[in-house]
Amino acid sequence: RLPPVASAAHRLAMLQLALAEQADCVIDTRELERSGPSYTVLSLEELRAEYPDQPLCLALGLDAALGLTKWHRWRDVLALAGIAVMRRPGWSLPEPLPQWWRDAQNHSRDSVPTSGGWLRFVDIPPIDTAAAQIRADLMSGRSVEAKVPAVVARYIKEHELYGKNTRD
């Protein structure tokens, strides 16, 4: 995975703009505040300590879920939180499925446990845009107005993020 091009402060500002009207969303900045490498498993451990009796759910696109075994302490990630997988256009499940995936899906058949270990597909309208594609479009000078909220597109242009400015 390539490192981000925009600073953490810019990425946070774009997220705040995108979610400004979503009263039920809270932005957790713990990974930005952590010194040194920040791994998902560390955040999940902290969240588990703060909310010991609540189920934790990590939402991932299918592309990210298929790469989970490359993550730092990935088995601990799966043990700490359930995985909600959103299908992505152009991505399909490998055949045969890895054993860990089958085990997690079988665990899913029960009610949602407070611990992790489960994996479920979440049916939402598929989004045919990944962050990497948006960054590539911006670096090529293509507009992303149709792919991100207008307020975020303006912010990117104002701050000249991701290479070339976007076109109007």
C-alpha atoms as a PDB file:
ATOM      1  CA  ARG A   1       0.000   0.000   0.000  1.00  0.00           C
ATOM      2  CA  LEU A   2       1.389   3.377  -0.973  1.00  0.00           C
ATOM      3  CA  PRO A   3       1.723   6.053   1.697  1.00  0.00           C
ATOM      4  CA  PRO A   4      -0.846   8.857   1.529  1.00  0.00           C
ATOM      5  CA  VAL A   5       0.014  11.917  -0.536  1.00  0.00           C
ATOM      6  CA  ALA A   6      -1.982  14.411   1.545  1.00  0.00           C
ATOM      7  CA  SER A   7      -0.967  15.108   5.131  1.00  0.00           C
ATOM      8  CA  ALA A   8      -2.955  13.681   8.016  1.00  0.00           C
ATOM      9  CA  ALA A   9      -4.266  17.181   8.765  1.00  0.00           C
ATOM     10  CA  HIS A  10      -5.579  17.557   5.198  1.00  0.00           C
ATOM     11  CA  ARG A  11      -7.139  14.074   5.211  1.00  0.00           C
ATOM     12  CA  LEU A  12      -8.860  14.857   8.527  1.00  0.00           C
ATOM     13  CA  ALA A  13     -10.137  18.188   7.198  1.00  0.00           C
ATOM     14  CA  MET A  14     -11.593  16.485   4.100  1.00  0.00           C
ATOM     15  CA  LEU A  15     -13.303  13.875   6.261  1.00  0.00           C
ATOM     16  CA  GLN A  16     -14.735  16.576   8.527  1.00  0.00           C
ATOM     17  CA  LEU A  17     -16.093  18.403   5.479  1.00  0.00           C
ATOM     18  CA  ALA A  18     -17.571  15.241   3.991  1.00  0.00           C
ATOM     19  CA  LEU A  19     -19.317  14.287   7.242  1.00  0.00           C
ATOM     20  CA  ALA A  20     -20.315  17.762   8.430  1.00  0.00           C
ATOM     21  CA  GLU A  21     -24.024  17.076   7.972  1.00  0.00           C
ATOM     22  CA  GLN A  22     -23.948  13.500   9.309  1.00  0.00           C
ATOM     23  CA  ALA A  23     -24.823  14.009  12.975  1.00  0.00           C
ATOM     24  CA  ASP A  24     -24.595  10.290  13.728  1.00  0.00           C
ATOM     25  CA  CYS A  25     -20.948  10.030  12.597  1.00  0.00           C
ATOM     26  CA  VAL A  26     -18.043  10.608  14.955  1.00  0.00           C
ATOM     27  CA  ILE A  27     -14.472  10.922  13.730  1.00  0.00           C
ATOM     28  CA  ASP A  28     -12.000   9.097  15.954  1.00  0.00           C
ATOM     29  CA  THR A  29      -8.544  10.676  15.610  1.00  0.00           C
ATOM     30  CA  ARG A  30      -6.574   8.219  17.755  1.00  0.00           C
ATOM     31  CA  GLU A  31      -4.533   6.955  14.809  1.00  0.00           C
ATOM     32  CA  LEU A  32      -3.486  10.495  13.899  1.00  0.00           C
ATOM     33  CA  GLU A  33      -2.450  11.206  17.476  1.00  0.00           C
ATOM     34  CA  ARG A  34      -0.390   8.028  17.902  1.00  0.00           C
ATOM     35  CA  SER A  35       3.363   8.419  17.552  1.00  0.00           C
ATOM     36  CA  GLY A  36       5.102   5.886  15.369  1.00  0.00           C
ATOM     37  CA  PRO A  37       3.380   3.401  13.094  1.00  0.00           C
ATOM     38  CA  SER A  38      -0.365   3.202  13.557  1.00  0.00           C
ATOM     39  CA  TYR A  39      -1.892  -0.184  12.943  1.00  0.00           C
ATOM     40  CA  THR A  40      -5.591  -1.017  12.883  1.00  0.00           C
ATOM     41  CA  VAL A  41      -5.030  -3.711  15.503  1.00  0.00           C
ATOM     42  CA  LEU A  42      -3.794  -1.108  18.027  1.00  0.00           C
ATOM     43  CA  SER A  43      -6.930   0.971  17.569  1.00  0.00           C
ATOM     44  CA  LEU A  44      -9.138  -2.100  17.890  1.00  0.00           C
ATOM     45  CA  GLU A  45      -7.370  -3.086  21.119  1.00  0.00           C
ATOM     46  CA  GLU A  46      -7.995   0.395  22.533  1.00  0.00           C
ATOM     47  CA  LEU A  47     -11.634   0.350  21.419  1.00  0.00           C
ATOM     48  CA  ARG A  48     -12.128  -3.121  22.919  1.00  0.00           C
ATOM     49  CA  ALA A  49     -10.755  -1.816  26.256  1.00  0.00           C
ATOM     50  CA  GLU A  50     -13.094   1.201  26.108  1.00  0.00           C
ATOM     51  CA  TYR A  51     -16.153  -0.802  25.032  1.00  0.00           C
ATOM     52  CA  PRO A  52     -15.649  -4.317  26.425  1.00  0.00           C
ATOM     53  CA  ASP A  53     -19.252  -5.455  25.946  1.00  0.00           C
ATOM     54  CA  GLN A  54     -19.984  -3.869  22.578  1.00  0.00           C
ATOM     55  CA  PRO A  55     -19.513  -5.585  19.231  1.00  0.00           C
ATOM     56  CA  LEU A  56     -16.843  -3.957  17.100  1.00  0.00           C
ATOM     57  CA  CYS A  57     -17.225  -3.969  13.348  1.00  0.00           C
ATOM     58  CA  LEU A  58     -14.539  -3.082  10.821  1.00  0.00           C
ATOM     59  CA  ALA A  59     -16.024  -2.057   7.464  1.00  0.00           C
ATOM     60  CA  LEU A  60     -13.841  -2.943   4.477  1.00  0.00           C
ATOM     61  CA  GLY A  61     -14.230  -2.999   0.738  1.00  0.00           C
ATOM     62  CA  LEU A  62     -13.798  -6.450  -0.782  1.00  0.00           C
ATOM     63  CA  ASP A  63     -10.402  -5.407  -2.161  1.00  0.00           C
ATOM     64  CA  ALA A  64      -9.125  -4.536   1.337  1.00  0.00           C
ATOM     65  CA  ALA A  65     -10.725  -7.628   2.911  1.00  0.00           C
ATOM     66  CA  LEU A  66      -8.964  -9.892   0.424  1.00  0.00           C
ATOM     67  CA  GLY A  67      -5.649  -8.333   1.507  1.00  0.00           C
ATOM     68  CA  LEU A  68      -6.335  -8.706   5.237  1.00  0.00           C
ATOM     69  CA  THR A  69      -3.723 -11.440   5.693  1.00  0.00           C
ATOM     70  CA  LYS A  70      -1.031  -8.877   4.783  1.00  0.00           C
ATOM     71  CA  TRP A  71      -2.013  -6.601   7.679  1.00  0.00           C
ATOM     72  CA  HIS A  72       0.026  -6.298  10.866  1.00  0.00           C
ATOM     73  CA  ARG A  73      -1.323  -8.933  13.323  1.00  0.00           C
ATOM     74  CA  TRP A  74      -4.241  -9.690  11.024  1.00  0.00           C
ATOM     75  CA  ARG A  75      -5.458 -12.648  13.094  1.00  0.00           C
ATOM     76  CA  ASP A  76      -5.783 -10.330  16.090  1.00  0.00           C
ATOM     77  CA  VAL A  77      -7.723  -7.852  13.927  1.00  0.00           C
ATOM     78  CA  LEU A  78     -10.185 -10.609  13.072  1.00  0.00           C
ATOM     79  CA  ALA A  79     -10.414 -11.751  16.705  1.00  0.00           C
ATOM     80  CA  LEU A  80     -11.130  -8.220  17.973  1.00  0.00           C
ATOM     81  CA  ALA A  81     -13.760  -7.159  15.442  1.00  0.00           C
ATOM     82  CA  GLY A  82     -16.197  -8.566  12.993  1.00  0.00           C
ATOM     83  CA  ILE A  83     -15.585  -7.679   9.372  1.00  0.00           C
ATOM     84  CA  ALA A  84     -18.353  -6.107   7.286  1.00  0.00           C
ATOM     85  CA  VAL A  85     -17.371  -6.506   3.644  1.00  0.00           C
ATOM     86  CA  MET A  86     -18.747  -4.266   0.907  1.00  0.00           C
ATOM     87  CA  ARG A  87     -18.606  -5.701  -2.590  1.00  0.00           C
ATOM     88  CA  ARG A  88     -16.546  -3.687  -5.086  1.00  0.00           C
ATOM     89  CA  PRO A  89     -17.119  -3.664  -8.843  1.00  0.00           C
ATOM     90  CA  GLY A  90     -14.368  -5.572 -10.609  1.00  0.00           C
ATOM     91  CA  TRP A  91     -13.492  -7.674  -7.550  1.00  0.00           C
ATOM     92  CA  SER A  92     -14.587 -11.233  -6.953  1.00  0.00           C
ATOM     93  CA  LEU A  93     -13.908 -13.868  -4.353  1.00  0.00           C
ATOM     94  CA  PRO A  94     -11.087 -16.302  -5.073  1.00  0.00           C
ATOM     95  CA  GLU A  95     -11.911 -19.972  -5.561  1.00  0.00           C
ATOM     96  CA  PRO A  96     -11.417 -21.781  -3.342  1.00  0.00           C
ATOM     97  CA  LEU A  97     -11.917 -19.379  -0.459  1.00  0.00           C
ATOM     98  CA  PRO A  98      -9.111 -19.320   2.122  1.00  0.00           C
ATOM     99  CA  GLN A  99      -9.894 -21.380   5.231  1.00  0.00           C
ATOM    100  CA  TRP A 100      -9.838 -18.325   7.545  1.00  0.00           C
ATOM    101  CA  TRP A 101     -12.499 -16.664   5.348  1.00  0.00           C
ATOM    102  CA  ARG A 102     -14.729 -19.769   5.392  1.00  0.00           C
ATOM    103  CA  ASP A 103     -14.344 -20.058   9.173  1.00  0.00           C
ATOM    104  CA  ALA A 104     -15.267 -16.393   9.669  1.00  0.00           C
ATOM    105  CA  GLN A 105     -18.287 -16.715   7.379  1.00  0.00           C
ATOM    106  CA  ASN A 106     -19.452 -19.814   9.256  1.00  0.00           C
ATOM    107  CA  HIS A 107     -19.098 -17.908  12.526  1.00  0.00           C
ATOM    108  CA  SER A 108     -21.336 -15.249  10.949  1.00  0.00           C
ATOM    109  CA  ARG A 109     -24.310 -17.539  10.802  1.00  0.00           C
ATOM    110  CA  ASP A 110     -24.828 -17.071  14.542  1.00  0.00           C
ATOM    111  CA  SER A 111     -26.080 -13.817  15.995  1.00  0.00           C
ATOM    112  CA  VAL A 112     -23.489 -11.044  16.074  1.00  0.00           C
ATOM    113  CA  PRO A 113     -21.119 -11.842  18.951  1.00  0.00           C
ATOM    114  CA  THR A 114     -19.482  -9.131  21.035  1.00  0.00           C
ATOM    115  CA  SER A 115     -16.112 -10.569  20.110  1.00  0.00           C
ATOM    116  CA  GLY A 116     -14.826 -10.632  16.583  1.00  0.00           C
ATOM    117  CA  GLY A 117     -14.167 -13.572  14.351  1.00  0.00           C
ATOM    118  CA  TRP A 118     -17.108 -13.053  12.012  1.00  0.00           C
ATOM    119  CA  LEU A 119     -17.328 -11.843   8.451  1.00  0.00           C
ATOM    120  CA  ARG A 120     -20.472 -10.732   6.644  1.00  0.00           C
ATOM    121  CA  PHE A 121     -21.226  -9.171   3.322  1.00  0.00           C
ATOM    122  CA  VAL A 122     -23.153  -5.930   3.583  1.00  0.00           C
ATOM    123  CA  ASP A 123     -25.410  -5.199   0.668  1.00  0.00           C
ATOM    124  CA  ILE A 124     -25.080  -1.543  -0.254  1.00  0.00           C
ATOM    125  CA  PRO A 125     -25.167   0.053  -3.678  1.00  0.00           C
ATOM    126  CA  PRO A 126     -21.723  -0.689  -5.112  1.00  0.00           C
ATOM    127  CA  ILE A 127     -19.389   2.261  -5.427  1.00  0.00           C
ATOM    128  CA  ASP A 128     -17.176   1.963  -8.464  1.00  0.00           C
ATOM    129  CA  THR A 129     -14.560   4.338  -7.110  1.00  0.00           C
ATOM    130  CA  ALA A 130     -11.600   3.618  -4.891  1.00  0.00           C
ATOM    131  CA  ALA A 131      -9.484   6.271  -3.186  1.00  0.00           C
ATOM    132  CA  ALA A 132      -6.508   5.235  -5.315  1.00  0.00           C
ATOM    133  CA  GLN A 133      -8.525   5.922  -8.479  1.00  0.00           C
ATOM    134  CA  ILE A 134      -9.593   9.342  -7.187  1.00  0.00           C
ATOM    135  CA  ARG A 135      -5.953  10.228  -6.454  1.00  0.00           C
ATOM    136  CA  ALA A 136      -4.903   8.989  -9.911  1.00  0.00           C
ATOM    137  CA  ASP A 137      -7.627  11.105 -11.528  1.00  0.00           C
ATOM    138  CA  LEU A 138      -6.460  14.170  -9.605  1.00  0.00           C
ATOM    139  CA  MET A 139      -2.813  13.585 -10.518  1.00  0.00           C
ATOM    140  CA  SER A 140      -3.856  13.343 -14.176  1.00  0.00           C
ATOM    141  CA  GLY A 141      -5.815  16.580 -13.936  1.00  0.00           C
ATOM    142  CA  ARG A 142      -9.231  14.903 -14.305  1.00  0.00           C
ATOM    143  CA  SER A 143     -12.220  16.218 -12.361  1.00  0.00           C
ATOM    144  CA  VAL A 144     -13.449  14.228  -9.356  1.00  0.00           C
ATOM    145  CA  GLU A 145     -16.578  16.329  -8.774  1.00  0.00           C
ATOM    146  CA  ALA A 146     -18.820  13.319  -9.449  1.00  0.00           C
ATOM    147  CA  LYS A 147     -16.810  11.069  -7.114  1.00  0.00           C
ATOM    148  CA  VAL A 148     -16.435  13.156  -3.944  1.00  0.00           C
ATOM    149  CA  PRO A 149     -18.633  15.734  -2.224  1.00  0.00           C
ATOM    150  CA  ALA A 150     -18.330  19.159  -3.875  1.00  0.00           C
ATOM    151  CA  VAL A 151     -16.989  20.693  -0.659  1.00  0.00           C
ATOM    152  CA  VAL A 152     -14.165  18.122  -0.630  1.00  0.00           C
ATOM    153  CA  ALA A 153     -13.362  18.703  -4.312  1.00  0.00           C
ATOM    154  CA  ARG A 154     -13.108  22.453  -3.591  1.00  0.00           C
ATOM    155  CA  TYR A 155     -10.823  21.788  -0.615  1.00  0.00           C
ATOM    156  CA  ILE A 156      -8.543  19.607  -2.748  1.00  0.00           C
ATOM    157  CA  LYS A 157      -8.355  22.304  -5.413  1.00  0.00           C
ATOM    158  CA  GLU A 158      -7.820  25.145  -2.897  1.00  0.00           C
ATOM    159  CA  HIS A 159      -4.974  23.316  -1.197  1.00  0.00           C
ATOM    160  CA  GLU A 160      -3.511  21.919  -4.431  1.00  0.00           C
ATOM    161  CA  LEU A 161      -3.507  18.356  -3.110  1.00  0.00           C
ATOM    162  CA  TYR A 162      -2.562  15.261  -5.106  1.00  0.00           C
ATOM    163  CA  GLY A 163      -0.520  16.856  -7.858  1.00  0.00           C
ATOM    164  CA  LYS A 164      -2.268  18.795 -10.602  1.00  0.00           C
ATOM    165  CA  ASN A 165      -5.259  20.945  -9.724  1.00  0.00           C
ATOM    166  CA  THR A 166      -8.633  19.526 -10.649  1.00  0.00           C
ATOM    167  CA  ARG A 167     -10.403  21.007 -13.625  1.00  0.00           C
ATOM    168  CA  ASP A 168     -13.570  23.061 -13.207  1.00  0.00           C
END
